[in-house]
Amino acid sequence: METYVLGDIHGAARALAQVLERSPFRPGLDRLIQLGDVADGWPETPRCVELLLAIPNSIWLAGNHDWWTAAWMATQPAAADVSPSWLSQGGRATYDAYRTGPPERLDRHFNAFFGQQQTYHEDELGNLYVHAGYDPTLPIAEQDPFDLFWTRELWQQHQRAAAYHECFIGHTPTWPAHPAPEQHQNVWNVDQGAGYGGRLTLLNVRTKQYVQSDPVPELYPGIQGR
């Protein structure tokens, strides 16, 4: 069994389909760990969720955008009462996609997907998977989930992921300066800007071989992402 990590998708189901087709990843045999931010930006968050739900042996981490989405799904307020920060940061596409779709899909995706996302994952090889980062001076289980969704210090300050063999994150795009997965210390960043003008990345944890989608704006001509 191989383990693959998948970067921030941001509603780009066409990019997700591309990397799954281009990769040697074997659904049902290999393990997929999605690093969060499935939602917000491009218009197909529901389709992204359906594709991920169909993959056996997969682990889904919550990103800050998924946290926003789950908070809205839990109460489903009217548009006037929805967080303006969420809507302005790509949430409008997710809101519109679910509000124009069948109501039962929203409830099913909340219960089966967004409500099941983990804040972090530790594997049997001593690797850590987390959306944004963490404070290496504290045990991971003692940290505020909000920080795991939002912090950028681990990456931006080139900190080492103490107590772990390797750490895999998303959240802070390396694109456009670095359009491929990038490493600082023992931390790998797999967010190559799919929410903007970059590509979606799927990385083999053991070999570090990866595949990427086409630049996402090319897959959604005429549509604005984040």
C-alpha atoms as a PDB file:
ATOM      1  CA  MET A   1       0.000   0.000   0.000  1.00  0.00           C
ATOM      2  CA  GLU A   2       1.223   3.473  -0.908  1.00  0.00           C
ATOM      3  CA  THR A   3       0.080   6.701   0.740  1.00  0.00           C
ATOM      4  CA  TYR A   4      -0.717   9.764  -1.339  1.00  0.00           C
ATOM      5  CA  VAL A   5      -1.419  13.294  -0.160  1.00  0.00           C
ATOM      6  CA  LEU A   6      -3.708  15.618  -2.058  1.00  0.00           C
ATOM      7  CA  GLY A   7      -3.450  19.393  -1.806  1.00  0.00           C
ATOM      8  CA  ASP A   8      -6.081  22.118  -1.503  1.00  0.00           C
ATOM      9  CA  ILE A   9      -8.798  21.561  -4.137  1.00  0.00           C
ATOM     10  CA  HIS A  10     -10.989  24.648  -3.644  1.00  0.00           C
ATOM     11  CA  GLY A  11     -13.965  23.381  -5.601  1.00  0.00           C
ATOM     12  CA  ALA A  12     -11.974  22.360  -8.702  1.00  0.00           C
ATOM     13  CA  ALA A  13     -13.514  18.969  -9.423  1.00  0.00           C
ATOM     14  CA  ARG A  14     -12.078  18.919 -12.943  1.00  0.00           C
ATOM     15  CA  ALA A  15      -8.569  19.231 -11.509  1.00  0.00           C
ATOM     16  CA  LEU A  16      -9.314  16.489  -8.983  1.00  0.00           C
ATOM     17  CA  ALA A  17     -10.477  14.159 -11.749  1.00  0.00           C
ATOM     18  CA  GLN A  18      -7.311  14.924 -13.730  1.00  0.00           C
ATOM     19  CA  VAL A  19      -4.845  14.080 -10.970  1.00  0.00           C
ATOM     20  CA  LEU A  20      -6.675  10.871 -10.134  1.00  0.00           C
ATOM     21  CA  GLU A  21      -6.514   9.854 -13.791  1.00  0.00           C
ATOM     22  CA  ARG A  22      -2.855  10.826 -14.210  1.00  0.00           C
ATOM     23  CA  SER A  23      -1.564   9.236 -11.027  1.00  0.00           C
ATOM     24  CA  PRO A  24      -0.691   5.579 -10.353  1.00  0.00           C
ATOM     25  CA  PHE A  25      -2.875   5.901  -7.240  1.00  0.00           C
ATOM     26  CA  ARG A  26      -4.990   2.739  -6.856  1.00  0.00           C
ATOM     27  CA  PRO A  27      -8.367   3.380  -5.218  1.00  0.00           C
ATOM     28  CA  GLY A  28      -9.117   0.717  -2.648  1.00  0.00           C
ATOM     29  CA  LEU A  29      -5.472  -0.408  -2.458  1.00  0.00           C
ATOM     30  CA  ASP A  30      -3.613   2.802  -1.693  1.00  0.00           C
ATOM     31  CA  ARG A  31      -4.416   5.356   0.999  1.00  0.00           C
ATOM     32  CA  LEU A  32      -5.419   8.904   0.139  1.00  0.00           C
ATOM     33  CA  ILE A  33      -5.006  11.747   2.630  1.00  0.00           C
ATOM     34  CA  GLN A  34      -6.633  14.991   1.535  1.00  0.00           C
ATOM     35  CA  LEU A  35      -5.090  17.977   3.320  1.00  0.00           C
ATOM     36  CA  GLY A  36      -8.187  20.167   3.532  1.00  0.00           C
ATOM     37  CA  ASP A  37      -9.804  23.094   1.722  1.00  0.00           C
ATOM     38  CA  VAL A  38     -11.952  20.969  -0.519  1.00  0.00           C
ATOM     39  CA  ALA A  39     -14.412  23.864  -0.572  1.00  0.00           C
ATOM     40  CA  ASP A  40     -14.541  27.440  -1.868  1.00  0.00           C
ATOM     41  CA  GLY A  41     -13.268  29.117  -4.991  1.00  0.00           C
ATOM     42  CA  TRP A  42     -14.229  27.141  -8.076  1.00  0.00           C
ATOM     43  CA  PRO A  43     -17.884  26.165  -8.578  1.00  0.00           C
ATOM     44  CA  GLU A  44     -17.853  22.387  -8.030  1.00  0.00           C
ATOM     45  CA  THR A  45     -17.404  21.743  -4.312  1.00  0.00           C
ATOM     46  CA  PRO A  46     -20.310  19.234  -4.268  1.00  0.00           C
ATOM     47  CA  ARG A  47     -18.732  17.279  -7.123  1.00  0.00           C
ATOM     48  CA  CYS A  48     -15.379  17.265  -5.299  1.00  0.00           C
ATOM     49  CA  VAL A  49     -17.074  15.777  -2.260  1.00  0.00           C
ATOM     50  CA  GLU A  50     -18.769  13.086  -4.350  1.00  0.00           C
ATOM     51  CA  LEU A  51     -15.452  12.090  -5.942  1.00  0.00           C
ATOM     52  CA  LEU A  52     -13.720  11.861  -2.557  1.00  0.00           C
ATOM     53  CA  LEU A  53     -16.573   9.925  -0.956  1.00  0.00           C
ATOM     54  CA  ALA A  54     -16.193   7.301  -3.695  1.00  0.00           C
ATOM     55  CA  ILE A  55     -12.545   6.590  -2.790  1.00  0.00           C
ATOM     56  CA  PRO A  56     -12.156   3.789  -0.215  1.00  0.00           C
ATOM     57  CA  ASN A  57      -9.496   4.018   2.487  1.00  0.00           C
ATOM     58  CA  SER A  58      -9.328   7.809   2.350  1.00  0.00           C
ATOM     59  CA  ILE A  59      -8.724  10.308   5.147  1.00  0.00           C
ATOM     60  CA  TRP A  60     -10.026  13.863   4.963  1.00  0.00           C
ATOM     61  CA  LEU A  61      -8.564  16.722   6.945  1.00  0.00           C
ATOM     62  CA  ALA A  62     -10.447  19.932   7.646  1.00  0.00           C
ATOM     63  CA  GLY A  63      -9.126  23.185   6.246  1.00  0.00           C
ATOM     64  CA  ASN A  64     -10.187  26.669   7.232  1.00  0.00           C
ATOM     65  CA  HIS A  65     -12.498  26.876   4.212  1.00  0.00           C
ATOM     66  CA  ASP A  66     -14.073  23.540   5.092  1.00  0.00           C
ATOM     67  CA  TRP A  67     -14.537  24.837   8.636  1.00  0.00           C
ATOM     68  CA  TRP A  68     -16.415  27.852   7.260  1.00  0.00           C
ATOM     69  CA  THR A  69     -18.493  25.599   5.012  1.00  0.00           C
ATOM     70  CA  ALA A  70     -19.357  23.176   7.823  1.00  0.00           C
ATOM     71  CA  ALA A  71     -20.372  26.062  10.095  1.00  0.00           C
ATOM     72  CA  TRP A  72     -22.788  27.320   7.448  1.00  0.00           C
ATOM     73  CA  MET A  73     -24.135  23.829   6.712  1.00  0.00           C
ATOM     74  CA  ALA A  74     -24.810  23.189  10.393  1.00  0.00           C
ATOM     75  CA  THR A  75     -27.293  26.092  10.604  1.00  0.00           C
ATOM     76  CA  GLN A  76     -28.009  27.035   6.955  1.00  0.00           C
ATOM     77  CA  PRO A  77     -28.735  30.723   7.548  1.00  0.00           C
ATOM     78  CA  ALA A  78     -30.033  32.941   4.762  1.00  0.00           C
ATOM     79  CA  ALA A  79     -27.477  34.710   2.588  1.00  0.00           C
ATOM     80  CA  ALA A  80     -27.861  37.973   4.502  1.00  0.00           C
ATOM     81  CA  ASP A  81     -26.743  36.222   7.689  1.00  0.00           C
ATOM     82  CA  VAL A  82     -23.827  34.282   6.225  1.00  0.00           C
ATOM     83  CA  SER A  83     -20.290  35.277   7.190  1.00  0.00           C
ATOM     84  CA  PRO A  84     -19.149  37.962   4.720  1.00  0.00           C
ATOM     85  CA  SER A  85     -15.555  36.828   5.232  1.00  0.00           C
ATOM     86  CA  TRP A  86     -16.454  33.368   4.007  1.00  0.00           C
ATOM     87  CA  LEU A  87     -18.418  34.616   1.009  1.00  0.00           C
ATOM     88  CA  SER A  88     -15.652  36.993  -0.071  1.00  0.00           C
ATOM     89  CA  GLN A  89     -12.936  34.324   0.241  1.00  0.00           C
ATOM     90  CA  GLY A  90     -14.497  31.867  -2.178  1.00  0.00           C
ATOM     91  CA  GLY A  91     -17.481  30.783  -0.125  1.00  0.00           C
ATOM     92  CA  ARG A  92     -19.965  32.343  -2.533  1.00  0.00           C
ATOM     93  CA  ALA A  93     -19.252  29.587  -5.070  1.00  0.00           C
ATOM     94  CA  THR A  94     -19.847  26.888  -2.455  1.00  0.00           C
ATOM     95  CA  TYR A  95     -22.982  28.598  -1.137  1.00  0.00           C
ATOM     96  CA  ASP A  96     -24.449  28.928  -4.629  1.00  0.00           C
ATOM     97  CA  ALA A  97     -23.574  25.347  -5.591  1.00  0.00           C
ATOM     98  CA  TYR A  98     -25.390  23.884  -2.601  1.00  0.00           C
ATOM     99  CA  ARG A  99     -28.330  26.296  -2.578  1.00  0.00           C
ATOM    100  CA  THR A 100     -29.100  25.559  -6.230  1.00  0.00           C
ATOM    101  CA  GLY A 101     -28.769  21.795  -5.785  1.00  0.00           C
ATOM    102  CA  PRO A 102     -31.049  19.254  -4.113  1.00  0.00           C
ATOM    103  CA  PRO A 103     -31.467  20.014  -0.373  1.00  0.00           C
ATOM    104  CA  GLU A 104     -30.782  16.410   0.596  1.00  0.00           C
ATOM    105  CA  ARG A 105     -27.300  16.662  -0.946  1.00  0.00           C
ATOM    106  CA  LEU A 106     -26.309  19.432   1.455  1.00  0.00           C
ATOM    107  CA  ASP A 107     -27.383  17.409   4.490  1.00  0.00           C
ATOM    108  CA  ARG A 108     -25.736  14.249   3.191  1.00  0.00           C
ATOM    109  CA  HIS A 109     -22.434  15.990   2.503  1.00  0.00           C
ATOM    110  CA  PHE A 110     -22.436  17.600   5.930  1.00  0.00           C
ATOM    111  CA  ASN A 111     -23.089  14.286   7.689  1.00  0.00           C
ATOM    112  CA  ALA A 112     -20.889  12.076   5.508  1.00  0.00           C
ATOM    113  CA  PHE A 113     -18.013  14.403   4.686  1.00  0.00           C
ATOM    114  CA  PHE A 114     -17.606  17.824   6.305  1.00  0.00           C
ATOM    115  CA  GLY A 115     -18.758  16.476   9.651  1.00  0.00           C
ATOM    116  CA  GLN A 116     -16.221  13.629   9.390  1.00  0.00           C
ATOM    117  CA  GLN A 117     -13.076  15.590   8.560  1.00  0.00           C
ATOM    118  CA  GLN A 118     -10.199  15.258  11.013  1.00  0.00           C
ATOM    119  CA  THR A 119      -8.085  18.097  12.375  1.00  0.00           C
ATOM    120  CA  TYR A 120      -4.858  16.114  11.870  1.00  0.00           C
ATOM    121  CA  HIS A 121      -3.613  12.598  11.154  1.00  0.00           C
ATOM    122  CA  GLU A 122      -0.535  10.692  12.335  1.00  0.00           C
ATOM    123  CA  ASP A 123       0.502   7.609  10.388  1.00  0.00           C
ATOM    124  CA  GLU A 124       2.386   4.464  11.352  1.00  0.00           C
ATOM    125  CA  LEU A 125       5.656   5.832   9.928  1.00  0.00           C
ATOM    126  CA  GLY A 126       5.756   8.832  12.218  1.00  0.00           C
ATOM    127  CA  ASN A 127       4.441  11.357   9.699  1.00  0.00           C
ATOM    128  CA  LEU A 128       2.043  14.167  10.509  1.00  0.00           C
ATOM    129  CA  TYR A 129      -0.634  15.477   8.147  1.00  0.00           C
ATOM    130  CA  VAL A 130      -2.334  18.771   8.981  1.00  0.00           C
ATOM    131  CA  HIS A 131      -3.947  21.490   6.912  1.00  0.00           C
ATOM    132  CA  ALA A 132      -2.067  24.633   7.923  1.00  0.00           C
ATOM    133  CA  GLY A 133       0.610  23.746  10.461  1.00  0.00           C
ATOM    134  CA  TYR A 134       1.091  23.485  14.214  1.00  0.00           C
ATOM    135  CA  ASP A 135       3.271  24.643  17.089  1.00  0.00           C
ATOM    136  CA  PRO A 136       6.208  22.184  17.250  1.00  0.00           C
ATOM    137  CA  THR A 137       6.780  23.002  20.925  1.00  0.00           C
ATOM    138  CA  LEU A 138       3.438  21.452  21.964  1.00  0.00           C
ATOM    139  CA  PRO A 139       1.992  17.959  21.534  1.00  0.00           C
ATOM    140  CA  ILE A 140      -0.363  17.955  18.586  1.00  0.00           C
ATOM    141  CA  ALA A 141      -3.291  16.679  20.661  1.00  0.00           C
ATOM    142  CA  GLU A 142      -3.077  19.709  22.959  1.00  0.00           C
ATOM    143  CA  GLN A 143      -3.339  22.326  20.224  1.00  0.00           C
ATOM    144  CA  ASP A 144      -6.298  24.500  19.351  1.00  0.00           C
ATOM    145  CA  PRO A 145      -7.935  23.172  16.166  1.00  0.00           C
ATOM    146  CA  PHE A 146      -8.308  26.769  15.010  1.00  0.00           C
ATOM    147  CA  ASP A 147      -4.522  27.026  14.814  1.00  0.00           C
ATOM    148  CA  LEU A 148      -4.295  23.781  12.854  1.00  0.00           C
ATOM    149  CA  PHE A 149      -6.638  25.347  10.276  1.00  0.00           C
ATOM    150  CA  TRP A 150      -4.999  28.771  10.101  1.00  0.00           C
ATOM    151  CA  THR A 151      -1.387  29.060  11.288  1.00  0.00           C
ATOM    152  CA  ARG A 152       1.342  29.802   8.757  1.00  0.00           C
ATOM    153  CA  GLU A 153       4.310  30.047  11.121  1.00  0.00           C
ATOM    154  CA  LEU A 154       5.526  26.464  10.692  1.00  0.00           C
ATOM    155  CA  TRP A 155       5.945  27.045   6.964  1.00  0.00           C
ATOM    156  CA  GLN A 156       6.854  30.706   6.755  1.00  0.00           C
ATOM    157  CA  GLN A 157       9.474  30.481   9.516  1.00  0.00           C
ATOM    158  CA  HIS A 158      10.965  27.266   8.078  1.00  0.00           C
ATOM    159  CA  GLN A 159      10.414  25.449  11.370  1.00  0.00           C
ATOM    160  CA  ARG A 160      11.132  21.758  11.782  1.00  0.00           C
ATOM    161  CA  ALA A 161       8.227  19.437  12.575  1.00  0.00           C
ATOM    162  CA  ALA A 162       9.594  18.216  15.887  1.00  0.00           C
ATOM    163  CA  ALA A 163       8.841  14.632  16.929  1.00  0.00           C
ATOM    164  CA  TYR A 164       7.849  13.635  13.386  1.00  0.00           C
ATOM    165  CA  HIS A 165       9.637  11.994  10.502  1.00  0.00           C
ATOM    166  CA  GLU A 166       7.927  14.279   7.991  1.00  0.00           C
ATOM    167  CA  CYS A 167       4.991  16.677   7.993  1.00  0.00           C
ATOM    168  CA  PHE A 168       2.670  17.382   5.059  1.00  0.00           C
ATOM    169  CA  ILE A 169       0.633  20.589   4.860  1.00  0.00           C
ATOM    170  CA  GLY A 170      -1.363  22.784   2.495  1.00  0.00           C
ATOM    171  CA  HIS A 171      -2.978  26.170   3.198  1.00  0.00           C
ATOM    172  CA  THR A 172      -0.098  28.473   2.151  1.00  0.00           C
ATOM    173  CA  PRO A 173       0.227  28.351  -1.655  1.00  0.00           C
ATOM    174  CA  THR A 174       3.738  28.012  -3.036  1.00  0.00           C
ATOM    175  CA  TRP A 175       2.530  29.190  -6.474  1.00  0.00           C
ATOM    176  CA  PRO A 176       3.605  31.165  -8.446  1.00  0.00           C
ATOM    177  CA  ALA A 177       7.161  31.271  -7.067  1.00  0.00           C
ATOM    178  CA  HIS A 178       7.299  27.481  -6.650  1.00  0.00           C
ATOM    179  CA  PRO A 179       4.782  25.629  -8.854  1.00  0.00           C
ATOM    180  CA  ALA A 180       5.803  22.172  -7.540  1.00  0.00           C
ATOM    181  CA  PRO A 181       5.672  20.649  -4.038  1.00  0.00           C
ATOM    182  CA  GLU A 182       8.205  22.423  -1.855  1.00  0.00           C
ATOM    183  CA  GLN A 183      10.186  21.287   1.208  1.00  0.00           C
ATOM    184  CA  HIS A 184      11.441  23.275   4.204  1.00  0.00           C
ATOM    185  CA  GLN A 185      13.268  21.180   6.810  1.00  0.00           C
ATOM    186  CA  ASN A 186      11.113  18.038   7.105  1.00  0.00           C
ATOM    187  CA  VAL A 187       7.896  19.833   6.103  1.00  0.00           C
ATOM    188  CA  TRP A 188       6.359  19.375   2.647  1.00  0.00           C
ATOM    189  CA  ASN A 189       3.883  21.905   1.252  1.00  0.00           C
ATOM    190  CA  VAL A 190       1.430  20.408  -1.260  1.00  0.00           C
ATOM    191  CA  ASP A 191      -0.652  23.533  -1.966  1.00  0.00           C
ATOM    192  CA  GLN A 192       0.364  24.739  -5.419  1.00  0.00           C
ATOM    193  CA  GLY A 193      -2.331  27.351  -5.798  1.00  0.00           C
ATOM    194  CA  ALA A 194      -5.232  25.407  -7.282  1.00  0.00           C
ATOM    195  CA  GLY A 195      -7.602  27.949  -5.764  1.00  0.00           C
ATOM    196  CA  TYR A 196      -5.999  30.696  -7.831  1.00  0.00           C
ATOM    197  CA  GLY A 197      -3.981  30.268 -11.039  1.00  0.00           C
ATOM    198  CA  GLY A 198      -1.944  27.224 -10.072  1.00  0.00           C
ATOM    199  CA  ARG A 199      -2.356  23.461 -10.204  1.00  0.00           C
ATOM    200  CA  LEU A 200      -3.678  20.712  -7.952  1.00  0.00           C
ATOM    201  CA  THR A 201      -1.014  18.281  -6.707  1.00  0.00           C
ATOM    202  CA  LEU A 202      -1.174  14.596  -5.726  1.00  0.00           C
ATOM    203  CA  LEU A 203       2.077  13.412  -4.069  1.00  0.00           C
ATOM    204  CA  ASN A 204       3.332   9.932  -3.195  1.00  0.00           C
ATOM    205  CA  VAL A 205       4.545  10.203   0.421  1.00  0.00           C
ATOM    206  CA  ARG A 206       7.265   7.554   0.079  1.00  0.00           C
ATOM    207  CA  THR A 207       8.764   8.369  -3.311  1.00  0.00           C
ATOM    208  CA  LYS A 208       7.856  12.090  -3.520  1.00  0.00           C
ATOM    209  CA  GLN A 209       6.782  11.536  -7.110  1.00  0.00           C
ATOM    210  CA  TYR A 210       3.786  13.673  -7.958  1.00  0.00           C
ATOM    211  CA  VAL A 211       1.280  14.513 -10.652  1.00  0.00           C
ATOM    212  CA  GLN A 212      -0.493  17.802 -11.198  1.00  0.00           C
ATOM    213  CA  SER A 213      -3.566  19.046 -12.972  1.00  0.00           C
ATOM    214  CA  ASP A 214      -3.522  21.599 -15.735  1.00  0.00           C
ATOM    215  CA  PRO A 215      -3.579  25.193 -14.457  1.00  0.00           C
ATOM    216  CA  VAL A 216      -7.027  25.334 -12.947  1.00  0.00           C
ATOM    217  CA  PRO A 217      -8.228  28.518 -14.717  1.00  0.00           C
ATOM    218  CA  GLU A 218      -7.744  26.641 -17.995  1.00  0.00           C
ATOM    219  CA  LEU A 219     -10.203  24.025 -16.762  1.00  0.00           C
ATOM    220  CA  TYR A 220     -12.811  26.679 -15.903  1.00  0.00           C
ATOM    221  CA  PRO A 221     -12.576  29.247 -18.729  1.00  0.00           C
ATOM    222  CA  GLY A 222     -14.504  32.403 -18.034  1.00  0.00           C
ATOM    223  CA  ILE A 223     -14.982  31.568 -14.355  1.00  0.00           C
ATOM    224  CA  GLN A 224     -13.273  33.434 -11.523  1.00  0.00           C
ATOM    225  CA  GLY A 225     -11.750  31.318  -8.753  1.00  0.00           C
ATOM    226  CA  ARG A 226     -10.657  32.773  -5.471  1.00  0.00           C
END
